[in-house]
Protein backbone atom coordinates (compact mmCIF):
# COMPACT_ATOMS: atom_id res chain seq x y z
CA MET A 1 0.00 0.00 0.00
CA LEU A 2 2.83 2.39 0.91
CA SER A 3 4.52 1.65 -2.42
CA ARG A 4 1.31 2.45 -4.31
CA LEU A 5 0.87 5.71 -2.43
CA LYS A 6 4.44 6.75 -3.23
CA SER A 7 3.91 5.85 -6.88
CA ALA A 8 0.67 7.83 -7.03
CA ALA A 9 2.34 10.84 -5.38
CA ARG A 10 5.24 10.68 -7.86
CA ILE A 11 2.87 10.56 -10.82
CA LEU A 12 0.85 13.45 -9.37
CA LEU A 13 3.96 15.59 -9.02
CA LYS A 14 6.01 14.54 -12.09
CA GLY A 15 3.56 12.79 -14.40
CA GLU A 16 3.70 9.21 -15.62
CA THR A 17 7.18 7.78 -16.26
CA GLN A 18 7.76 7.28 -19.96
CA ASN A 19 10.00 4.64 -21.52
CA LYS A 20 12.99 6.05 -23.37
CA THR A 21 12.80 3.32 -25.99
CA ARG A 22 9.84 1.79 -27.75
CA ASN A 23 9.02 -1.87 -27.32
CA PRO A 24 8.89 -3.89 -30.57
CA ILE A 25 5.82 -3.08 -32.65
CA PRO A 26 3.61 -6.19 -32.51
CA ALA A 27 2.53 -7.96 -35.67
CA ILE A 28 -1.10 -7.78 -36.66
CA THR A 29 -3.15 -10.80 -35.56
CA PRO A 30 -5.43 -12.93 -37.77
CA GLU A 31 -8.40 -11.59 -35.81
CA GLU A 32 -7.33 -8.00 -36.48
CA VAL A 33 -6.85 -8.76 -40.18
CA ALA A 34 -10.39 -10.11 -40.33
CA GLU A 35 -11.71 -7.04 -38.55
CA ILE A 36 -9.96 -4.49 -40.73
CA LYS A 37 -10.98 -6.26 -43.96
CA GLN A 38 -14.57 -5.44 -43.07
CA PHE A 39 -13.62 -1.81 -43.75
CA PHE A 40 -10.91 -2.31 -46.41
CA PRO A 41 -11.91 -5.48 -48.28
CA ARG A 42 -9.77 -5.29 -51.43
CA ASP A 43 -7.04 -7.88 -51.98
CA LYS A 44 -3.53 -6.40 -51.62
CA PHE A 45 -0.20 -7.15 -53.25
CA PHE A 46 3.28 -5.65 -53.27
CA ILE A 47 5.83 -5.63 -56.09
CA LEU A 48 9.44 -5.71 -54.95
CA GLY A 49 12.70 -5.82 -56.87
CA HIS A 50 16.05 -4.09 -56.97
CA ALA A 51 16.02 -0.64 -58.59
CA ARG A 52 16.36 -0.75 -62.40
CA SER A 53 15.00 -4.30 -62.52
CA GLY A 54 11.71 -3.66 -64.32
CA THR A 55 9.45 -2.92 -61.35
CA THR A 56 7.92 0.05 -63.15
CA LEU A 57 7.22 -1.92 -66.33
CA LEU A 58 5.63 -4.70 -64.29
CA MET A 59 3.44 -2.18 -62.49
CA ARG A 60 2.32 -0.62 -65.78
CA LEU A 61 1.43 -4.02 -67.22
CA ALA A 62 -0.27 -5.34 -64.07
CA ARG A 63 -2.77 -2.50 -63.98
CA LEU A 64 -3.86 -3.10 -67.56
CA HIS A 65 -6.16 -5.80 -66.23
CA PRO A 66 -9.66 -4.50 -65.48
CA GLU A 67 -9.59 -5.98 -61.96
CA VAL A 68 -6.11 -4.83 -60.93
CA HIS A 69 -4.84 -1.42 -59.87
CA CYS A 70 -1.22 -0.70 -59.01
CA ASN A 71 0.56 2.51 -58.18
CA TYR A 72 4.10 3.16 -57.13
CA GLN A 73 6.70 4.38 -54.67
CA ALA A 74 4.65 4.39 -51.48
CA HIS A 75 7.71 2.76 -49.90
CA PHE A 76 5.68 1.43 -47.00
CA PHE A 77 8.44 -1.09 -46.22
CA THR A 78 11.32 -0.31 -48.58
CA ARG A 79 12.68 3.19 -47.93
CA LYS A 80 13.06 5.16 -44.73
CA PRO A 81 11.26 6.60 -42.83
CA LEU A 82 8.92 3.61 -43.57
CA LEU A 83 5.30 3.06 -42.64
CA LYS A 84 6.20 1.92 -39.12
CA SER A 85 7.69 5.33 -38.33
CA LEU A 86 4.10 6.50 -37.75
CA VAL A 87 4.06 4.61 -34.45
CA ASP A 88 7.76 4.05 -33.79
CA SER A 89 8.29 6.18 -30.69
CA PRO A 90 7.83 5.68 -26.93
CA GLU A 91 5.28 8.49 -26.83
CA ILE A 92 3.07 6.90 -29.49
CA GLU A 93 3.40 3.49 -27.84
CA GLU A 94 2.33 4.97 -24.50
CA TRP A 95 -0.69 6.59 -26.12
CA LEU A 96 -1.78 3.47 -28.03
CA THR A 97 -1.28 1.10 -25.08
CA ARG A 98 -2.46 3.35 -22.23
CA LYS A 99 -4.67 1.44 -19.80
CA SER A 100 -7.12 4.32 -19.59
CA ASN A 101 -7.56 4.13 -23.38
CA ARG A 102 -10.49 1.72 -23.52
CA TRP A 103 -10.41 1.57 -27.34
CA ASN A 104 -7.35 -0.67 -27.34
CA HIS A 105 -8.88 -3.55 -25.35
CA GLY A 106 -5.57 -4.08 -23.58
CA ARG A 107 -3.48 -4.44 -26.76
CA ASP A 108 -1.14 -2.10 -28.63
CA LEU A 109 -3.17 -0.47 -31.42
CA SER A 110 -0.05 0.17 -33.53
CA PRO A 111 -0.47 -2.63 -36.12
CA LEU A 112 -4.07 -1.57 -36.76
CA VAL A 113 -3.00 2.06 -37.19
CA LEU A 114 -0.34 1.02 -39.73
CA ARG A 115 -2.69 -1.27 -41.62
CA ALA A 116 -5.52 1.27 -41.73
CA ALA A 117 -3.20 4.00 -43.04
CA ALA A 118 -1.76 1.87 -45.84
CA ASP A 119 -5.13 0.31 -46.70
CA PHE A 120 -6.78 3.70 -47.06
CA ILE A 121 -3.99 5.07 -49.28
CA MET A 122 -4.25 2.11 -51.66
CA GLU A 123 -7.99 1.54 -51.61
CA ARG A 124 -8.70 5.23 -52.18
CA ASP A 125 -7.00 4.96 -55.58
CA ALA A 126 -8.49 1.57 -56.39
CA ALA A 127 -12.01 2.80 -55.64
CA ARG A 128 -11.55 5.66 -58.10
CA GLU A 129 -10.46 3.15 -60.75
CA GLY A 130 -13.26 0.71 -59.91
CA LYS A 131 -10.86 -2.19 -59.27
CA ARG A 132 -10.96 -4.86 -56.59
CA ILE A 133 -7.27 -5.87 -56.37
CA VAL A 134 -4.72 -3.20 -55.47
CA GLY A 135 -0.99 -3.08 -54.91
CA ASP A 136 2.08 -0.92 -54.63
CA LYS A 137 5.43 -1.29 -56.34
CA SER A 138 8.44 0.01 -54.49
CA PRO A 139 12.03 -1.15 -55.19
CA SER A 140 13.69 -2.93 -52.27
CA SER A 141 17.29 -1.99 -53.09
CA THR A 142 18.68 -1.22 -49.65
CA ILE A 143 16.49 -2.74 -46.93
CA HIS A 144 16.37 -6.23 -48.47
CA GLY A 145 14.93 -8.98 -46.27
CA GLN A 146 13.72 -6.57 -43.59
CA ALA A 147 11.28 -5.15 -46.12
CA VAL A 148 9.63 -8.57 -46.39
CA ARG A 149 9.53 -9.03 -42.63
CA ASP A 150 8.00 -5.60 -42.10
CA ALA A 151 5.42 -6.23 -44.83
CA TYR A 152 4.43 -9.56 -43.30
CA ALA A 153 3.94 -7.97 -39.86
CA VAL A 154 1.24 -5.71 -41.32
CA TYR A 155 0.07 -7.70 -44.38
CA PRO A 156 0.38 -11.44 -43.71
CA ASP A 157 -2.62 -11.91 -46.02
CA ALA A 158 -1.14 -10.01 -48.97
CA LYS A 159 0.63 -11.39 -52.04
CA LEU A 160 4.24 -10.59 -52.87
CA VAL A 161 5.70 -10.34 -56.39
CA ASN A 162 9.46 -10.05 -56.87
CA ILE A 163 10.99 -9.19 -60.25
CA VAL A 164 14.64 -10.03 -60.88
CA ARG A 165 16.98 -8.70 -63.59
CA ASP A 166 20.51 -9.65 -64.60
CA GLY A 167 22.70 -7.71 -62.17
CA ARG A 168 25.11 -6.68 -64.90
CA ASP A 169 22.35 -4.84 -66.75
CA VAL A 170 21.10 -3.44 -63.44
CA LEU A 171 24.60 -2.06 -62.91
CA ILE A 172 24.61 -0.34 -66.30
CA SER A 173 21.11 1.08 -65.93
CA GLU A 174 21.92 2.39 -62.44
CA ARG A 175 25.11 4.00 -63.76
CA PHE A 176 23.39 5.85 -66.58
CA ARG A 177 20.59 7.03 -64.34
CA ASN A 178 23.21 8.61 -62.09
CA PHE A 179 24.93 10.15 -65.11
CA VAL A 180 21.73 11.57 -66.58
CA GLU A 181 20.47 12.88 -63.25
CA GLU A 182 23.93 14.27 -62.39
CA SER A 183 23.68 12.53 -59.03
CA LYS A 184 25.05 14.35 -55.99
CA PHE A 185 27.03 11.18 -55.24
CA LEU A 186 29.20 11.45 -58.38
CA THR A 187 32.90 11.59 -57.59
CA ALA A 188 35.57 13.54 -59.44
CA GLU A 189 36.50 10.34 -61.27
CA ASP A 190 32.84 9.79 -62.23
CA LYS A 191 32.70 13.28 -63.71
CA ARG A 192 35.86 12.66 -65.73
CA ILE A 193 34.27 9.52 -67.18
CA ILE A 194 31.15 11.49 -68.14
CA ALA A 195 33.24 14.19 -69.84
CA ASP A 196 35.24 11.62 -71.78
CA LEU A 197 32.10 9.70 -72.73
CA GLU A 198 30.50 12.84 -74.13
CA ALA A 199 33.68 13.75 -76.02
CA ASP A 200 34.26 10.31 -77.56
CA PRO A 201 31.85 7.44 -76.82
CA ALA A 202 33.57 4.91 -79.11
CA PRO A 203 36.00 3.35 -76.56
CA PHE A 204 33.14 2.95 -74.08
CA SER A 205 30.96 1.20 -76.65
CA ASP A 206 33.04 -1.94 -77.20
CA GLY A 207 34.63 -2.79 -73.90
CA ARG A 208 37.91 -0.92 -74.37
CA ARG A 209 37.16 1.55 -71.61
CA SER A 210 34.89 1.19 -68.58
CA ILE A 211 32.00 3.45 -67.63
CA PHE A 212 32.47 2.31 -64.01
CA THR A 213 34.79 2.86 -61.13
CA GLU A 214 35.66 -0.32 -59.27
CA THR A 215 33.99 1.07 -56.14
CA PHE A 216 30.72 1.54 -58.02
CA ILE A 217 30.76 -2.03 -59.35
CA ARG A 218 31.44 -3.49 -55.91
CA ASN A 219 28.78 -1.41 -54.17
CA ILE A 220 25.95 -2.04 -56.63
CA ALA A 221 26.82 -5.69 -57.28
CA LYS A 222 26.84 -6.48 -53.56
CA ARG A 223 23.59 -4.62 -53.00
CA TRP A 224 21.98 -6.48 -55.91
CA ALA A 225 23.21 -9.85 -54.70
CA ASP A 226 22.12 -9.21 -51.11
CA ASP A 227 18.71 -7.99 -52.22
CA LEU A 228 18.00 -11.05 -54.37
CA ALA A 229 19.18 -13.50 -51.73
CA GLU A 230 17.42 -11.93 -48.75
CA VAL A 231 14.13 -10.99 -50.40
CA ASP A 232 13.70 -14.37 -52.05
CA ALA A 233 14.59 -16.33 -48.90
CA GLU A 234 12.35 -14.31 -46.59
CA ALA A 235 9.47 -14.22 -49.07
CA GLN A 236 9.54 -18.01 -49.45
CA ARG A 237 9.77 -18.48 -45.69
CA LEU A 238 6.97 -16.08 -44.75
CA TYR A 239 4.63 -15.92 -47.73
CA GLY A 240 5.03 -19.40 -49.22
CA GLU A 241 2.38 -19.88 -51.92
CA ASN A 242 1.55 -16.19 -51.73
CA TYR A 243 4.96 -15.35 -53.21
CA HIS A 244 5.71 -15.20 -56.94
CA SER A 245 9.01 -14.34 -58.62
CA LEU A 246 9.78 -13.70 -62.27
CA ARG A 247 12.70 -12.57 -64.39
CA TYR A 248 12.65 -9.30 -66.28
CA GLU A 249 14.21 -10.97 -69.33
CA ASP A 250 11.39 -13.53 -69.49
CA LEU A 251 8.87 -10.70 -69.32
CA LEU A 252 10.49 -9.08 -72.37
CA VAL A 253 10.45 -12.32 -74.36
CA SER A 254 6.96 -13.59 -73.41
CA PRO A 255 5.04 -10.67 -71.91
CA PHE A 256 1.50 -12.05 -72.21
CA GLU A 257 2.48 -15.46 -70.86
CA GLU A 258 4.36 -13.94 -67.92
CA MET A 259 1.58 -11.46 -67.12
CA THR A 260 -0.99 -14.26 -67.31
CA LYS A 261 0.96 -16.01 -64.54
CA VAL A 262 1.08 -12.81 -62.49
CA TRP A 263 -2.63 -12.06 -62.91
CA LYS A 264 -3.64 -15.62 -62.02
CA PHE A 265 -1.41 -15.42 -58.97
CA LEU A 266 -3.16 -12.19 -57.94
CA GLY A 267 -6.53 -13.92 -58.20
CA VAL A 268 -8.26 -12.29 -61.17
CA LYS A 269 -11.44 -13.96 -62.40
CA LYS A 270 -10.81 -13.76 -66.14
CA ILE A 271 -7.94 -12.98 -68.53
CA SER A 272 -9.02 -11.83 -71.97
CA LYS A 273 -6.74 -12.47 -74.94
CA THR A 274 -7.30 -8.86 -75.97
CA LEU A 275 -4.93 -7.96 -73.14
CA ALA A 276 -2.07 -9.23 -75.31
CA LYS A 277 -2.50 -6.24 -77.62
CA ALA A 278 -2.74 -3.87 -74.68
CA ILE A 279 0.51 -5.28 -73.32
CA GLN A 280 2.32 -4.83 -76.61
CA ALA A 281 1.09 -1.25 -76.88
CA GLU A 282 2.24 -0.50 -73.33
CA MET A 283 5.65 -2.04 -73.91
CA SER A 284 6.19 -0.01 -77.07
CA SER A 285 6.50 3.12 -74.94
CA ASN A 286 9.25 3.85 -72.44
CA PRO A 287 8.48 6.87 -70.25
CA ASP A 288 11.80 6.51 -68.42
CA GLU A 289 13.76 6.64 -71.68
CA GLU A 290 11.82 9.72 -72.78
CA TRP A 291 12.46 11.43 -69.45
CA GLN A 292 16.19 10.67 -69.59
CA ALA A 293 16.40 12.01 -73.14
CA GLN A 294 14.81 15.27 -72.02
CA ARG A 295 17.19 15.50 -69.07
CA ASN A 296 20.45 14.76 -70.92
CA GLU A 297 19.99 13.55 -74.49
CA GLY A 298 23.73 13.22 -75.16
CA ILE A 299 24.31 10.71 -72.37
CA ALA A 300 20.89 9.04 -72.63
CA SER A 301 21.26 8.28 -76.35
CA PHE A 302 24.38 6.19 -75.68
CA LEU A 303 22.36 3.37 -74.14
CA SER A 304 19.28 1.54 -75.42
CA LYS A 305 16.97 1.52 -72.40
CA GLY A 306 15.14 -1.53 -71.15
CA GLN A 307 17.00 -4.07 -73.27
CA ALA A 308 18.59 -7.24 -72.02
CA GLY A 309 22.29 -7.92 -72.51
CA ASN A 310 23.69 -4.39 -72.77
CA TRP A 311 26.49 -5.51 -70.46
CA GLN A 312 27.94 -7.77 -73.17
CA ARG A 313 29.22 -4.85 -75.22
CA LEU A 314 29.96 -2.43 -72.40
CA PHE A 315 31.77 -4.52 -69.78
CA THR A 316 35.55 -4.50 -69.85
CA ALA A 317 37.64 -7.48 -68.71
CA ARG A 318 38.14 -5.76 -65.36
CA ASP A 319 34.38 -5.12 -64.99
CA LYS A 320 33.69 -8.82 -65.53
CA ALA A 321 36.33 -9.92 -63.05
CA VAL A 322 35.08 -7.61 -60.29
CA PHE A 323 31.42 -8.54 -60.81
CA LYS A 324 32.26 -12.25 -60.78
CA GLU A 325 34.11 -11.84 -57.52
CA VAL A 326 31.23 -10.04 -55.82
CA ALA A 327 28.10 -11.56 -57.33
CA GLY A 328 29.03 -14.21 -59.87
CA GLU A 329 27.44 -17.05 -57.93
CA VAL A 330 24.13 -15.19 -57.81
CA LEU A 331 24.08 -15.01 -61.62
CA VAL A 332 24.44 -18.80 -61.73
CA ARG A 333 21.78 -19.31 -59.07
CA TRP A 334 19.21 -17.33 -61.05
CA GLY A 335 20.07 -18.96 -64.37
CA TYR A 336 21.86 -16.06 -66.02
CA GLU A 337 25.06 -18.10 -66.40
CA LYS A 338 25.83 -21.83 -66.19
CA ASP A 339 29.13 -21.20 -64.41
CA LEU A 340 31.71 -18.45 -63.88
CA ASN A 341 33.36 -18.93 -67.27
CA TRP A 342 31.83 -15.96 -69.05
C-alpha cells in the first residue's frame, strides 16, 4: 500500500514515467486482419525488386487488367522513414497502449494504425479506378529482407511479387541514371568519365574503356546480390504460396504469358486475350527513356533503355572480373550463367 501511495504521489507531481525506448511493434493478428478487412476489403499485393529491374514496367502491365490497380513508390516497407515510423516512438506506444484508453482492449493499437493508413492510401486509388485488387510497387534496393519481414507484420494476407533482372544490366542502368540525373554522389573520377564519354563514346561502346569505377561495381553488385538473396529467402519463408518471382528478361520475351501467370497469382477472375494487344502497346512506350532524353539527351542516347544484354558490349575485362568476384554465384543461381566462365 505504501509503495502504491508513493507511486501515485510521484505521478501526481512529475507525471507518468515514460520509456525512453519503444518496445517492438507487434505484428497484426489474424483476428485484427479479419476485422480491418470489413472496412478495407480489397485484396492487396506488393511488387518488390532491386532498382532498375523492371518494377515500373511490371506495375504498368499489371494494372492493364480491369480488376487490378497498381501505383508506385509508397515505400511502406522499402525506404526510410517507412510506414512503421508513424508509431515508432515511446510516446506513441504509451498513447496506443495506455490502460485508460479503452479503445485498445488491452493491446497495442499500432499494427491496426499502420494497416488502416496503408489500406486507405491504396484503396482510395483503387475505388476511383473501380478495381478490386490493389498493390504498390516500391524497389527494395537497400532494406532487403527486412522489407519482407516488415510487410508480413502488417500484411500477412497479402501477395508478394518479386521481379529479378541480370545484375550486370542493373549495374549499367543504375550508372546511366546517375549520369543523366547528375547525381550528388558522383565523384571527381565519375565526372571525368562522363566528360570523356560525351567527347568520344567509341572506346566505351566496345569494352575498351569502362563506364564504371571499381567502387561503383562493388557497391551495386553487392547490394543487388544481397537484395535477391534476402528478399527471395524471406518471401519463401513467410509468404510461401503467396509469393511469386519472375525474371525481367522472361517478361520481355513472353510478356503475355508472364503477365498471365502474375494475374492468375493475384486472383483475377478472367484474362481476356485482348490484353495481349494492350501489353504490346504499353511495352512499345518507355516513359523513363523519354524522361532521360529530355534531361540529358547526349548521355541518354548512348544506351538503349530496357534491353537485355547491354552488359555484353559495355563490360571490360576488369568489370567482368570484379562482378564475378562479388556476385558471380548469384548469376548462376538465377540462371543467367551456367558457371563463372563468361
